[in-house]
């Protein structure tokens, strides 16, 4: 279990269109004087050996974060599964000795600081192929732990079959869900709308970032 977490590559998924925000990069909106992405990186980076960003368009807008920026390997904004595939294929080229990848999203400033460790433990204890987070009775597959060995299978599903829903693909494999519901607040609260940003400000002020 510890070996999985220590050698894991992390990918922050920031390739979405942010339609409910009116477009643009919602991960660059400010929360408590810093971009949302900065809050995510602060929590994600200590959990993995390496961290990259998955984003489309001009990578220069993320230069301040000092991380590799990798665009989707599947055209047409194919959703978070495209980001998962992008990360897995990047790992095969750039980190061939690493077997596992963790995913986070760029709009979840309170993500659990022990996310990767708990997902890795669940994979180990259940001999699972994939692990993802859950809270409040809902699965959050974009917060997941993925084996590089499934990269070819995922490419076939995305490109040859047109699969776009994460659940439609993960259902083909042994997936385990890890419940974080006992935490104070929802560690997977994400900013989809302008009012969510105001709520995030309130939560951050209330907790002081201690969640």
N, C-alpha and C. Protein backbone atom coordinates (compact mmCIF):
# COMPACT_ATOMS: atom_id res chain seq x y z
N UNK A 1 0.83 -1.21 0.00
CA UNK A 1 0.00 0.00 0.00
C UNK A 1 0.85 1.24 0.00
N UNK A 2 1.84 1.32 0.92
CA UNK A 2 2.70 2.50 0.99
C UNK A 2 3.47 2.68 -0.31
N UNK A 3 3.87 1.56 -0.91
CA UNK A 3 4.63 1.64 -2.16
C UNK A 3 3.80 2.26 -3.27
N UNK A 4 2.52 1.92 -3.34
CA UNK A 4 1.65 2.51 -4.35
C UNK A 4 1.62 4.02 -4.19
N UNK A 5 1.35 4.50 -2.99
CA UNK A 5 1.22 5.93 -2.75
C UNK A 5 2.54 6.68 -2.99
N UNK A 6 3.65 6.10 -2.54
CA UNK A 6 4.93 6.79 -2.64
C UNK A 6 5.40 6.93 -4.08
N UNK A 7 5.03 5.99 -4.95
CA UNK A 7 5.50 6.02 -6.32
C UNK A 7 4.45 6.54 -7.30
N UNK A 8 3.37 7.04 -6.78
CA UNK A 8 2.25 7.45 -7.61
C UNK A 8 2.52 8.79 -8.31
N UNK A 9 2.06 8.90 -9.55
CA UNK A 9 2.03 10.18 -10.25
C UNK A 9 0.63 10.77 -10.10
N UNK A 10 0.54 12.06 -9.82
CA UNK A 10 -0.74 12.72 -9.68
C UNK A 10 -1.05 13.59 -10.88
N UNK A 11 -2.32 13.63 -11.26
CA UNK A 11 -2.77 14.46 -12.38
C UNK A 11 -3.93 15.32 -11.91
N UNK A 12 -3.78 16.62 -12.04
CA UNK A 12 -4.89 17.54 -11.76
C UNK A 12 -5.65 17.75 -13.06
N UNK A 13 -6.90 17.36 -13.08
CA UNK A 13 -7.73 17.47 -14.27
C UNK A 13 -8.31 18.88 -14.37
N UNK A 14 -7.86 19.60 -15.38
CA UNK A 14 -8.34 20.98 -15.55
C UNK A 14 -8.67 21.24 -17.01
N UNK A 15 -9.12 20.19 -17.70
CA UNK A 15 -9.37 20.31 -19.14
C UNK A 15 -10.80 20.57 -19.51
N UNK A 16 -11.67 20.81 -18.52
CA UNK A 16 -13.09 21.02 -18.80
C UNK A 16 -13.39 22.38 -19.41
N UNK A 17 -14.63 22.54 -19.87
CA UNK A 17 -15.04 23.77 -20.53
C UNK A 17 -15.66 24.78 -19.57
N UNK A 18 -15.94 24.38 -18.33
CA UNK A 18 -16.53 25.27 -17.31
C UNK A 18 -17.77 25.98 -17.83
N UNK A 19 -18.67 25.25 -18.46
CA UNK A 19 -19.87 25.86 -19.05
C UNK A 19 -20.73 26.57 -18.01
N UNK A 20 -20.83 25.96 -16.81
CA UNK A 20 -21.69 26.57 -15.79
C UNK A 20 -21.09 27.83 -15.21
N UNK A 21 -19.82 28.06 -15.52
CA UNK A 21 -19.16 29.31 -15.11
C UNK A 21 -19.13 30.31 -16.27
N UNK A 22 -19.70 29.92 -17.40
CA UNK A 22 -19.65 30.80 -18.55
C UNK A 22 -18.38 30.66 -19.37
N UNK A 23 -17.66 29.55 -19.17
CA UNK A 23 -16.42 29.32 -19.90
C UNK A 23 -15.20 29.84 -19.15
N UNK A 24 -14.03 29.60 -19.71
CA UNK A 24 -12.79 30.05 -19.08
C UNK A 24 -12.25 29.02 -18.11
N UNK A 25 -11.20 29.41 -17.39
CA UNK A 25 -10.54 28.50 -16.46
C UNK A 25 -11.01 28.79 -15.03
N UNK A 26 -11.97 28.02 -14.58
CA UNK A 26 -12.46 28.27 -13.22
C UNK A 26 -11.39 27.97 -12.18
N UNK A 27 -10.44 27.10 -12.51
CA UNK A 27 -9.38 26.78 -11.55
C UNK A 27 -8.44 27.96 -11.31
N UNK A 28 -8.55 29.00 -12.15
CA UNK A 28 -7.73 30.20 -11.95
C UNK A 28 -8.48 31.30 -11.21
N UNK A 29 -9.75 31.07 -10.91
CA UNK A 29 -10.49 32.04 -10.09
C UNK A 29 -9.89 32.10 -8.70
N UNK A 30 -9.96 33.26 -8.07
CA UNK A 30 -9.31 33.43 -6.78
C UNK A 30 -10.20 33.00 -5.62
N UNK A 31 -9.58 32.28 -4.71
CA UNK A 31 -10.20 31.91 -3.44
C UNK A 31 -9.23 32.32 -2.34
N UNK A 32 -9.66 33.24 -1.49
CA UNK A 32 -8.81 33.75 -0.41
C UNK A 32 -7.49 34.28 -0.96
N UNK A 33 -7.57 34.97 -2.08
CA UNK A 33 -6.39 35.64 -2.63
C UNK A 33 -5.46 34.77 -3.44
N UNK A 34 -5.83 33.50 -3.63
CA UNK A 34 -5.01 32.59 -4.43
C UNK A 34 -5.89 31.85 -5.43
N UNK A 35 -5.33 31.44 -6.56
CA UNK A 35 -6.14 30.66 -7.50
C UNK A 35 -6.62 29.36 -6.87
N UNK A 36 -7.81 28.92 -7.27
CA UNK A 36 -8.31 27.62 -6.82
C UNK A 36 -7.25 26.54 -7.02
N UNK A 37 -6.59 26.60 -8.18
CA UNK A 37 -5.58 25.59 -8.49
C UNK A 37 -4.48 25.54 -7.43
N UNK A 38 -4.11 26.67 -6.89
CA UNK A 38 -3.06 26.70 -5.87
C UNK A 38 -3.48 25.92 -4.63
N UNK A 39 -4.75 26.03 -4.24
CA UNK A 39 -5.26 25.28 -3.09
C UNK A 39 -5.23 23.78 -3.37
N UNK A 40 -5.60 23.41 -4.60
CA UNK A 40 -5.60 21.99 -4.98
C UNK A 40 -4.18 21.44 -4.96
N UNK A 41 -3.24 22.17 -5.56
CA UNK A 41 -1.85 21.71 -5.62
C UNK A 41 -1.27 21.56 -4.21
N UNK A 42 -1.59 22.50 -3.34
CA UNK A 42 -1.08 22.44 -1.96
C UNK A 42 -1.48 21.14 -1.27
N UNK A 43 -2.68 20.65 -1.57
CA UNK A 43 -3.16 19.43 -0.93
C UNK A 43 -2.74 18.17 -1.70
N UNK A 44 -2.65 18.26 -3.01
CA UNK A 44 -2.36 17.08 -3.82
C UNK A 44 -0.87 16.75 -3.88
N UNK A 45 -0.04 17.77 -4.00
CA UNK A 45 1.38 17.53 -4.27
C UNK A 45 2.08 16.67 -3.21
N UNK A 46 1.82 16.89 -1.91
CA UNK A 46 2.50 16.05 -0.92
C UNK A 46 2.09 14.57 -0.97
N UNK A 47 1.02 14.26 -1.67
CA UNK A 47 0.50 12.89 -1.68
C UNK A 47 1.10 12.01 -2.78
N UNK A 48 1.84 12.62 -3.71
CA UNK A 48 2.33 11.88 -4.87
C UNK A 48 3.81 12.17 -5.09
N UNK A 49 4.45 11.32 -5.89
CA UNK A 49 5.87 11.52 -6.20
C UNK A 49 6.07 12.63 -7.22
N UNK A 50 5.15 12.73 -8.19
CA UNK A 50 5.20 13.78 -9.21
C UNK A 50 3.78 14.24 -9.48
N UNK A 51 3.65 15.50 -9.87
CA UNK A 51 2.33 16.06 -10.17
C UNK A 51 2.37 16.77 -11.51
N UNK A 52 1.35 16.52 -12.35
CA UNK A 52 1.21 17.22 -13.62
C UNK A 52 -0.19 17.79 -13.73
N UNK A 53 -0.36 18.72 -14.66
CA UNK A 53 -1.67 19.31 -14.93
C UNK A 53 -2.16 18.83 -16.29
N UNK A 54 -3.41 18.45 -16.36
CA UNK A 54 -4.04 18.13 -17.63
C UNK A 54 -4.94 19.29 -18.02
N UNK A 55 -4.55 20.02 -19.06
CA UNK A 55 -5.32 21.18 -19.50
C UNK A 55 -5.10 21.39 -20.98
N UNK A 56 -6.11 21.92 -21.65
CA UNK A 56 -6.03 22.20 -23.07
C UNK A 56 -5.81 23.69 -23.31
N UNK A 57 -5.41 24.03 -24.52
CA UNK A 57 -5.14 25.43 -24.84
C UNK A 57 -3.72 25.83 -24.49
N UNK A 58 -3.52 27.14 -24.37
CA UNK A 58 -2.19 27.69 -24.11
C UNK A 58 -1.70 27.27 -22.73
N UNK A 59 -0.62 26.48 -22.65
CA UNK A 59 -0.13 26.05 -21.33
C UNK A 59 0.50 27.18 -20.53
N UNK A 60 0.80 28.29 -21.19
CA UNK A 60 1.46 29.40 -20.52
C UNK A 60 0.66 30.00 -19.39
N UNK A 61 -0.65 29.84 -19.45
CA UNK A 61 -1.48 30.44 -18.39
C UNK A 61 -1.32 29.72 -17.06
N UNK A 62 -0.69 28.55 -17.07
CA UNK A 62 -0.44 27.81 -15.84
C UNK A 62 1.03 27.84 -15.43
N UNK A 63 1.82 28.68 -16.09
CA UNK A 63 3.26 28.69 -15.87
C UNK A 63 3.63 28.94 -14.40
N UNK A 64 2.84 29.76 -13.73
CA UNK A 64 3.17 30.14 -12.36
C UNK A 64 3.18 28.95 -11.40
N UNK A 65 2.53 27.85 -11.78
CA UNK A 65 2.46 26.69 -10.89
C UNK A 65 3.69 25.79 -11.02
N UNK A 66 4.47 25.98 -12.05
CA UNK A 66 5.73 25.25 -12.19
C UNK A 66 5.58 23.75 -12.40
N UNK A 67 4.48 23.33 -13.01
CA UNK A 67 4.24 21.91 -13.25
C UNK A 67 4.08 21.64 -14.74
N UNK A 68 4.42 20.43 -15.20
CA UNK A 68 4.17 20.08 -16.60
C UNK A 68 2.68 20.19 -16.92
N UNK A 69 2.37 20.74 -18.10
CA UNK A 69 0.98 20.85 -18.54
C UNK A 69 0.81 19.97 -19.78
N UNK A 70 -0.12 19.04 -19.72
CA UNK A 70 -0.30 18.05 -20.77
C UNK A 70 -1.72 18.15 -21.32
N UNK A 71 -1.84 18.35 -22.62
CA UNK A 71 -3.16 18.47 -23.25
C UNK A 71 -3.75 17.09 -23.52
N UNK A 72 -5.08 17.03 -23.65
CA UNK A 72 -5.77 15.78 -23.93
C UNK A 72 -5.20 15.08 -25.16
N UNK A 73 -5.05 13.78 -25.07
CA UNK A 73 -4.58 13.00 -26.21
C UNK A 73 -5.74 12.60 -27.12
N UNK A 74 -6.97 12.86 -26.69
CA UNK A 74 -8.16 12.63 -27.50
C UNK A 74 -8.80 13.97 -27.78
N UNK A 75 -9.07 14.27 -29.03
CA UNK A 75 -9.62 15.58 -29.39
C UNK A 75 -11.10 15.69 -29.06
N UNK A 76 -11.55 16.93 -28.99
CA UNK A 76 -12.98 17.19 -28.87
C UNK A 76 -13.51 17.29 -27.45
N UNK A 77 -12.67 17.60 -26.47
CA UNK A 77 -13.12 17.75 -25.08
C UNK A 77 -13.98 16.55 -24.67
N UNK A 78 -13.34 15.40 -24.63
CA UNK A 78 -14.04 14.13 -24.39
C UNK A 78 -14.33 13.87 -22.92
N UNK A 79 -14.10 14.85 -22.06
CA UNK A 79 -14.45 14.70 -20.65
C UNK A 79 -13.31 14.16 -19.80
N UNK A 80 -13.60 13.90 -18.52
CA UNK A 80 -12.54 13.50 -17.60
C UNK A 80 -11.87 12.18 -17.96
N UNK A 81 -12.57 11.28 -18.64
CA UNK A 81 -11.91 10.04 -19.06
C UNK A 81 -10.74 10.33 -19.99
N UNK A 82 -10.87 11.37 -20.80
CA UNK A 82 -9.76 11.76 -21.68
C UNK A 82 -8.57 12.23 -20.85
N UNK A 83 -8.86 12.91 -19.75
CA UNK A 83 -7.78 13.33 -18.86
C UNK A 83 -7.10 12.16 -18.19
N UNK A 84 -7.89 11.16 -17.81
CA UNK A 84 -7.31 9.95 -17.22
C UNK A 84 -6.39 9.26 -18.23
N UNK A 85 -6.87 9.10 -19.46
CA UNK A 85 -6.06 8.47 -20.49
C UNK A 85 -4.80 9.28 -20.77
N UNK A 86 -4.95 10.59 -20.82
CA UNK A 86 -3.80 11.46 -21.07
C UNK A 86 -2.73 11.25 -20.02
N UNK A 87 -3.13 11.19 -18.76
CA UNK A 87 -2.17 10.97 -17.69
C UNK A 87 -1.50 9.61 -17.78
N UNK A 88 -2.28 8.57 -18.06
CA UNK A 88 -1.72 7.23 -18.15
C UNK A 88 -0.72 7.12 -19.29
N UNK A 89 -1.04 7.72 -20.43
CA UNK A 89 -0.12 7.64 -21.57
C UNK A 89 1.10 8.52 -21.36
N UNK A 90 0.94 9.64 -20.66
CA UNK A 90 2.10 10.47 -20.30
C UNK A 90 3.03 9.68 -19.40
N UNK A 91 2.47 8.93 -18.47
CA UNK A 91 3.29 8.15 -17.56
C UNK A 91 4.09 7.07 -18.30
N UNK A 92 3.48 6.44 -19.28
CA UNK A 92 4.20 5.40 -20.01
C UNK A 92 5.42 5.97 -20.73
N UNK A 93 5.34 7.24 -21.13
CA UNK A 93 6.48 7.88 -21.81
C UNK A 93 7.47 8.47 -20.82
N UNK A 94 6.99 9.03 -19.73
CA UNK A 94 7.84 9.84 -18.86
C UNK A 94 8.14 9.22 -17.49
N UNK A 95 7.36 8.25 -17.09
CA UNK A 95 7.58 7.58 -15.80
C UNK A 95 7.30 6.10 -15.96
N UNK A 96 8.03 5.42 -16.84
CA UNK A 96 7.71 4.03 -17.19
C UNK A 96 7.82 3.05 -16.04
N UNK A 97 8.52 3.41 -14.99
CA UNK A 97 8.67 2.50 -13.84
C UNK A 97 7.53 2.66 -12.84
N UNK A 98 6.64 3.60 -13.07
CA UNK A 98 5.55 3.89 -12.14
C UNK A 98 4.27 3.22 -12.60
N UNK A 99 3.59 2.53 -11.70
CA UNK A 99 2.45 1.71 -12.08
C UNK A 99 1.09 2.32 -11.78
N UNK A 100 1.06 3.40 -10.96
CA UNK A 100 -0.23 3.94 -10.51
C UNK A 100 -0.30 5.45 -10.70
N UNK A 101 -1.51 5.92 -10.97
CA UNK A 101 -1.76 7.35 -11.14
C UNK A 101 -2.98 7.75 -10.32
N UNK A 102 -2.88 8.89 -9.64
CA UNK A 102 -4.01 9.45 -8.90
C UNK A 102 -4.53 10.68 -9.64
N UNK A 103 -5.84 10.87 -9.62
CA UNK A 103 -6.42 12.05 -10.25
C UNK A 103 -7.14 12.92 -9.23
N UNK A 104 -7.05 14.21 -9.46
CA UNK A 104 -7.73 15.24 -8.67
C UNK A 104 -8.38 16.19 -9.66
N UNK A 105 -9.22 17.09 -9.19
CA UNK A 105 -9.76 18.11 -10.09
C UNK A 105 -9.28 19.49 -9.63
N UNK A 106 -9.20 20.40 -10.58
CA UNK A 106 -8.67 21.72 -10.28
C UNK A 106 -9.65 22.66 -9.62
N UNK A 107 -10.86 22.18 -9.31
CA UNK A 107 -11.89 23.04 -8.72
C UNK A 107 -12.36 22.55 -7.35
N UNK A 108 -11.54 21.70 -6.70
CA UNK A 108 -11.93 21.12 -5.40
C UNK A 108 -10.90 21.52 -4.35
N UNK A 109 -11.04 22.71 -3.76
CA UNK A 109 -10.00 23.24 -2.88
C UNK A 109 -9.88 22.58 -1.52
N UNK A 110 -10.82 21.68 -1.18
CA UNK A 110 -10.79 21.05 0.14
C UNK A 110 -10.51 19.55 0.05
N UNK A 111 -9.94 19.09 -1.05
CA UNK A 111 -9.76 17.65 -1.24
C UNK A 111 -8.98 17.03 -0.08
N UNK A 112 -9.31 15.79 0.23
CA UNK A 112 -8.74 15.12 1.40
C UNK A 112 -7.22 15.00 1.29
N UNK A 113 -6.55 15.33 2.38
CA UNK A 113 -5.08 15.28 2.37
C UNK A 113 -4.55 13.85 2.44
N UNK A 114 -5.41 12.89 2.78
CA UNK A 114 -4.99 11.49 2.81
C UNK A 114 -5.70 10.70 1.71
N UNK A 115 -6.13 11.38 0.68
CA UNK A 115 -6.88 10.74 -0.40
C UNK A 115 -6.11 9.58 -1.02
N UNK A 116 -4.90 9.84 -1.47
CA UNK A 116 -4.14 8.81 -2.18
C UNK A 116 -3.82 7.63 -1.26
N UNK A 117 -3.46 7.92 -0.03
CA UNK A 117 -3.14 6.85 0.91
C UNK A 117 -4.33 5.93 1.14
N UNK A 118 -5.51 6.51 1.28
CA UNK A 118 -6.69 5.69 1.53
C UNK A 118 -7.13 4.92 0.29
N UNK A 119 -7.00 5.53 -0.88
CA UNK A 119 -7.31 4.81 -2.12
C UNK A 119 -6.35 3.66 -2.33
N UNK A 120 -5.07 3.91 -2.05
CA UNK A 120 -4.06 2.86 -2.21
C UNK A 120 -4.33 1.71 -1.24
N UNK A 121 -4.71 2.03 -0.02
CA UNK A 121 -5.03 0.99 0.95
C UNK A 121 -6.19 0.15 0.48
N UNK A 122 -7.21 0.79 -0.10
CA UNK A 122 -8.39 0.07 -0.58
C UNK A 122 -8.04 -0.85 -1.75
N UNK A 123 -7.19 -0.36 -2.65
CA UNK A 123 -6.75 -1.20 -3.77
C UNK A 123 -6.02 -2.43 -3.24
N UNK A 124 -5.14 -2.20 -2.29
CA UNK A 124 -4.33 -3.28 -1.73
C UNK A 124 -5.19 -4.30 -0.99
N UNK A 125 -6.10 -3.84 -0.16
CA UNK A 125 -6.90 -4.74 0.67
C UNK A 125 -7.94 -5.51 -0.14
N UNK A 126 -8.37 -4.93 -1.27
CA UNK A 126 -9.43 -5.56 -2.05
C UNK A 126 -8.94 -6.15 -3.37
N UNK A 127 -7.63 -6.09 -3.59
CA UNK A 127 -7.05 -6.54 -4.87
C UNK A 127 -7.83 -5.93 -6.04
N UNK A 128 -8.12 -4.64 -5.92
CA UNK A 128 -8.94 -3.95 -6.91
C UNK A 128 -8.10 -3.43 -8.07
N UNK A 129 -8.77 -3.18 -9.18
CA UNK A 129 -8.12 -2.56 -10.33
C UNK A 129 -8.07 -1.04 -10.17
N UNK A 130 -9.15 -0.47 -9.64
CA UNK A 130 -9.33 0.97 -9.57
C UNK A 130 -9.97 1.30 -8.22
N UNK A 131 -9.62 2.45 -7.65
CA UNK A 131 -10.31 2.95 -6.46
C UNK A 131 -10.76 4.37 -6.72
N UNK A 132 -11.91 4.74 -6.20
CA UNK A 132 -12.34 6.13 -6.29
C UNK A 132 -13.00 6.55 -4.99
N UNK A 133 -13.07 7.85 -4.79
CA UNK A 133 -13.62 8.40 -3.56
C UNK A 133 -15.14 8.45 -3.60
N UNK A 134 -15.74 8.52 -2.42
CA UNK A 134 -17.19 8.68 -2.30
C UNK A 134 -17.48 9.49 -1.04
N UNK A 135 -18.60 10.18 -1.05
CA UNK A 135 -19.06 10.90 0.14
C UNK A 135 -20.53 11.22 -0.03
N UNK A 136 -21.24 11.27 1.08
CA UNK A 136 -22.66 11.63 1.02
C UNK A 136 -23.49 10.75 0.11
N UNK A 137 -23.10 9.48 -0.02
CA UNK A 137 -23.86 8.57 -0.87
C UNK A 137 -23.58 8.72 -2.35
N UNK A 138 -22.57 9.51 -2.72
CA UNK A 138 -22.24 9.72 -4.13
C UNK A 138 -20.79 9.33 -4.38
N UNK A 139 -20.56 8.70 -5.52
CA UNK A 139 -19.19 8.40 -5.94
C UNK A 139 -18.58 9.63 -6.61
N UNK A 140 -17.28 9.78 -6.46
CA UNK A 140 -16.55 10.88 -7.10
C UNK A 140 -15.40 10.27 -7.91
N UNK A 141 -15.71 9.71 -9.06
CA UNK A 141 -14.68 8.97 -9.81
C UNK A 141 -13.54 9.82 -10.34
N UNK A 142 -13.71 11.14 -10.38
CA UNK A 142 -12.60 11.98 -10.82
C UNK A 142 -11.50 12.06 -9.75
N UNK A 143 -11.82 11.62 -8.54
CA UNK A 143 -10.80 11.47 -7.49
C UNK A 143 -10.51 9.98 -7.39
N UNK A 144 -9.59 9.52 -8.21
CA UNK A 144 -9.39 8.08 -8.33
C UNK A 144 -7.93 7.67 -8.36
N UNK A 145 -7.74 6.36 -8.27
CA UNK A 145 -6.42 5.75 -8.38
C UNK A 145 -6.51 4.73 -9.50
N UNK A 146 -5.62 4.88 -10.49
CA UNK A 146 -5.72 4.14 -11.75
C UNK A 146 -4.41 3.42 -12.07
N UNK A 147 -4.48 2.17 -12.55
CA UNK A 147 -3.26 1.46 -12.94
C UNK A 147 -2.90 1.76 -14.40
N UNK A 148 -1.64 1.96 -14.65
CA UNK A 148 -1.18 2.25 -16.01
C UNK A 148 -1.49 1.09 -16.95
N UNK A 149 -1.57 -0.11 -16.43
CA UNK A 149 -1.80 -1.28 -17.28
C UNK A 149 -3.15 -1.23 -18.00
N UNK A 150 -4.07 -0.36 -17.56
CA UNK A 150 -5.38 -0.26 -18.21
C UNK A 150 -5.41 0.82 -19.29
N UNK A 151 -4.27 1.42 -19.61
CA UNK A 151 -4.25 2.51 -20.59
C UNK A 151 -4.77 2.07 -21.96
N UNK A 152 -4.33 0.93 -22.45
CA UNK A 152 -4.77 0.47 -23.77
C UNK A 152 -6.27 0.17 -23.78
N UNK A 153 -6.76 -0.42 -22.71
CA UNK A 153 -8.19 -0.71 -22.60
C UNK A 153 -9.00 0.58 -22.62
N UNK A 154 -8.52 1.58 -21.91
CA UNK A 154 -9.23 2.86 -21.88
C UNK A 154 -9.19 3.54 -23.24
N UNK A 155 -8.06 3.48 -23.94
CA UNK A 155 -7.99 4.08 -25.28
C UNK A 155 -8.99 3.43 -26.22
N UNK A 156 -9.10 2.12 -26.17
CA UNK A 156 -10.08 1.44 -27.02
C UNK A 156 -11.49 1.90 -26.70
N UNK A 157 -11.80 2.02 -25.40
CA UNK A 157 -13.14 2.44 -25.00
C UNK A 157 -13.45 3.86 -25.48
N UNK A 158 -12.49 4.76 -25.33
CA UNK A 158 -12.70 6.16 -25.71
C UNK A 158 -12.74 6.35 -27.21
N UNK A 159 -11.75 5.80 -27.89
CA UNK A 159 -11.58 6.09 -29.32
C UNK A 159 -12.43 5.17 -30.19
N UNK A 160 -12.41 3.88 -29.91
CA UNK A 160 -13.11 2.93 -30.77
C UNK A 160 -14.59 2.81 -30.44
N UNK A 161 -14.92 2.92 -29.14
CA UNK A 161 -16.31 2.71 -28.73
C UNK A 161 -17.04 4.02 -28.42
N UNK A 162 -16.32 5.10 -28.27
CA UNK A 162 -16.97 6.37 -27.96
C UNK A 162 -17.48 6.49 -26.54
N UNK A 163 -16.95 5.70 -25.61
CA UNK A 163 -17.37 5.78 -24.21
C UNK A 163 -16.93 7.13 -23.63
N UNK A 164 -17.82 7.80 -22.94
CA UNK A 164 -17.51 9.10 -22.34
C UNK A 164 -17.75 9.12 -20.82
N UNK A 165 -18.67 8.32 -20.34
CA UNK A 165 -18.97 8.32 -18.91
C UNK A 165 -17.97 7.45 -18.16
N UNK A 166 -17.41 8.01 -17.11
CA UNK A 166 -16.42 7.27 -16.34
C UNK A 166 -17.01 5.96 -15.82
N UNK A 167 -18.22 6.02 -15.26
CA UNK A 167 -18.82 4.83 -14.67
C UNK A 167 -19.03 3.71 -15.69
N UNK A 168 -19.29 4.09 -16.94
CA UNK A 168 -19.50 3.08 -17.98
C UNK A 168 -18.24 2.28 -18.24
N UNK A 169 -17.09 2.92 -18.07
CA UNK A 169 -15.83 2.20 -18.28
C UNK A 169 -15.37 1.49 -17.01
N UNK A 170 -15.43 2.17 -15.87
CA UNK A 170 -14.93 1.54 -14.64
C UNK A 170 -15.75 0.31 -14.26
N UNK A 171 -17.01 0.26 -14.69
CA UNK A 171 -17.86 -0.90 -14.37
C UNK A 171 -17.33 -2.18 -14.98
N UNK A 172 -16.46 -2.07 -15.95
CA UNK A 172 -15.88 -3.25 -16.60
C UNK A 172 -14.74 -3.86 -15.77
N UNK A 173 -14.35 -3.13 -14.74
CA UNK A 173 -13.19 -3.54 -13.95
C UNK A 173 -13.57 -3.64 -12.47
N UNK A 174 -12.68 -4.20 -11.69
CA UNK A 174 -12.92 -4.32 -10.25
C UNK A 174 -12.61 -2.97 -9.60
N UNK A 175 -13.66 -2.23 -9.28
CA UNK A 175 -13.48 -0.91 -8.68
C UNK A 175 -13.98 -0.94 -7.24
N UNK A 176 -13.27 -0.24 -6.37
CA UNK A 176 -13.68 -0.14 -4.97
C UNK A 176 -13.89 1.34 -4.66
N UNK A 177 -14.93 1.64 -3.89
CA UNK A 177 -15.24 3.01 -3.50
C UNK A 177 -14.86 3.24 -2.05
N UNK A 178 -14.18 4.34 -1.80
CA UNK A 178 -13.70 4.66 -0.46
C UNK A 178 -14.50 5.83 0.08
N UNK A 179 -15.19 5.61 1.20
CA UNK A 179 -16.12 6.61 1.74
C UNK A 179 -15.41 7.59 2.66
N UNK A 180 -15.56 8.88 2.37
CA UNK A 180 -14.99 9.94 3.19
C UNK A 180 -16.09 10.72 3.91
N UNK A 181 -17.27 10.15 4.07
CA UNK A 181 -18.42 10.89 4.58
C UNK A 181 -18.29 11.33 6.02
N UNK A 182 -17.43 10.69 6.80
CA UNK A 182 -17.33 11.04 8.21
C UNK A 182 -16.52 12.31 8.45
N UNK A 183 -15.98 12.88 7.39
CA UNK A 183 -15.18 14.10 7.55
C UNK A 183 -16.10 15.29 7.85
N UNK A 184 -15.53 16.29 8.54
CA UNK A 184 -16.26 17.54 8.76
C UNK A 184 -16.30 18.28 7.43
N UNK A 185 -17.50 18.47 6.91
CA UNK A 185 -17.61 19.09 5.60
C UNK A 185 -17.36 18.06 4.50
N UNK A 186 -17.57 18.46 3.26
CA UNK A 186 -17.38 17.57 2.13
C UNK A 186 -16.03 17.85 1.50
N UNK A 187 -15.08 16.90 1.60
CA UNK A 187 -13.76 17.15 1.02
C UNK A 187 -13.78 17.22 -0.50
N UNK A 188 -14.91 16.89 -1.11
CA UNK A 188 -14.98 16.92 -2.58
C UNK A 188 -15.93 18.00 -3.08
N UNK A 189 -16.19 18.98 -2.20
CA UNK A 189 -16.92 20.17 -2.62
C UNK A 189 -16.18 20.80 -3.79
N UNK A 190 -16.89 21.06 -4.89
CA UNK A 190 -16.21 21.67 -6.04
C UNK A 190 -16.93 22.93 -6.49
N UNK A 191 -16.19 23.78 -7.11
CA UNK A 191 -16.70 25.09 -7.54
C UNK A 191 -17.16 24.98 -8.99
N UNK A 192 -18.47 24.90 -9.18
CA UNK A 192 -19.06 24.82 -10.52
C UNK A 192 -19.71 26.13 -10.94
N UNK A 193 -20.21 26.89 -9.94
CA UNK A 193 -20.93 28.12 -10.21
C UNK A 193 -20.34 29.25 -9.37
N UNK A 194 -20.68 30.46 -9.74
CA UNK A 194 -20.16 31.62 -8.99
C UNK A 194 -20.55 31.55 -7.52
N UNK A 195 -21.77 31.09 -7.25
CA UNK A 195 -22.20 31.01 -5.84
C UNK A 195 -21.40 29.96 -5.08
N UNK A 196 -20.88 28.96 -5.78
CA UNK A 196 -20.04 27.97 -5.12
C UNK A 196 -18.73 28.59 -4.64
N UNK A 197 -18.24 29.56 -5.39
CA UNK A 197 -17.00 30.23 -4.99
C UNK A 197 -17.22 31.01 -3.69
N UNK A 198 -18.38 31.66 -3.58
CA UNK A 198 -18.71 32.37 -2.34
C UNK A 198 -18.83 31.39 -1.18
N UNK A 199 -19.42 30.22 -1.42
CA UNK A 199 -19.54 29.21 -0.38
C UNK A 199 -18.16 28.68 0.02
N UNK A 200 -17.29 28.53 -0.95
CA UNK A 200 -15.92 28.07 -0.65
C UNK A 200 -15.20 29.09 0.23
N UNK A 201 -15.42 30.37 -0.04
CA UNK A 201 -14.82 31.43 0.79
C UNK A 201 -15.32 31.30 2.23
N UNK A 202 -16.62 31.04 2.38
CA UNK A 202 -17.20 30.91 3.71
C UNK A 202 -16.62 29.69 4.43
N UNK A 203 -16.52 28.57 3.72
CA UNK A 203 -16.00 27.35 4.33
C UNK A 203 -14.53 27.50 4.71
N UNK A 204 -13.77 28.17 3.87
CA UNK A 204 -12.36 28.36 4.16
C UNK A 204 -12.17 29.24 5.40
N UNK A 205 -13.00 30.28 5.49
CA UNK A 205 -12.92 31.15 6.65
C UNK A 205 -13.31 30.41 7.94
N UNK A 206 -14.27 29.50 7.81
CA UNK A 206 -14.75 28.76 8.97
C UNK A 206 -13.74 27.73 9.46
N UNK A 207 -13.07 27.04 8.52
CA UNK A 207 -12.18 25.96 8.88
C UNK A 207 -10.71 26.37 8.96
N UNK A 208 -10.37 27.51 8.34
CA UNK A 208 -8.99 27.92 8.28
C UNK A 208 -8.13 26.98 7.46
N UNK A 209 -8.78 26.23 6.56
CA UNK A 209 -8.04 25.31 5.70
C UNK A 209 -7.64 24.02 6.39
N UNK A 210 -8.24 23.73 7.55
CA UNK A 210 -7.83 22.57 8.34
C UNK A 210 -8.51 21.27 7.94
N UNK A 211 -9.42 21.30 6.98
CA UNK A 211 -10.13 20.08 6.59
C UNK A 211 -9.22 19.11 5.88
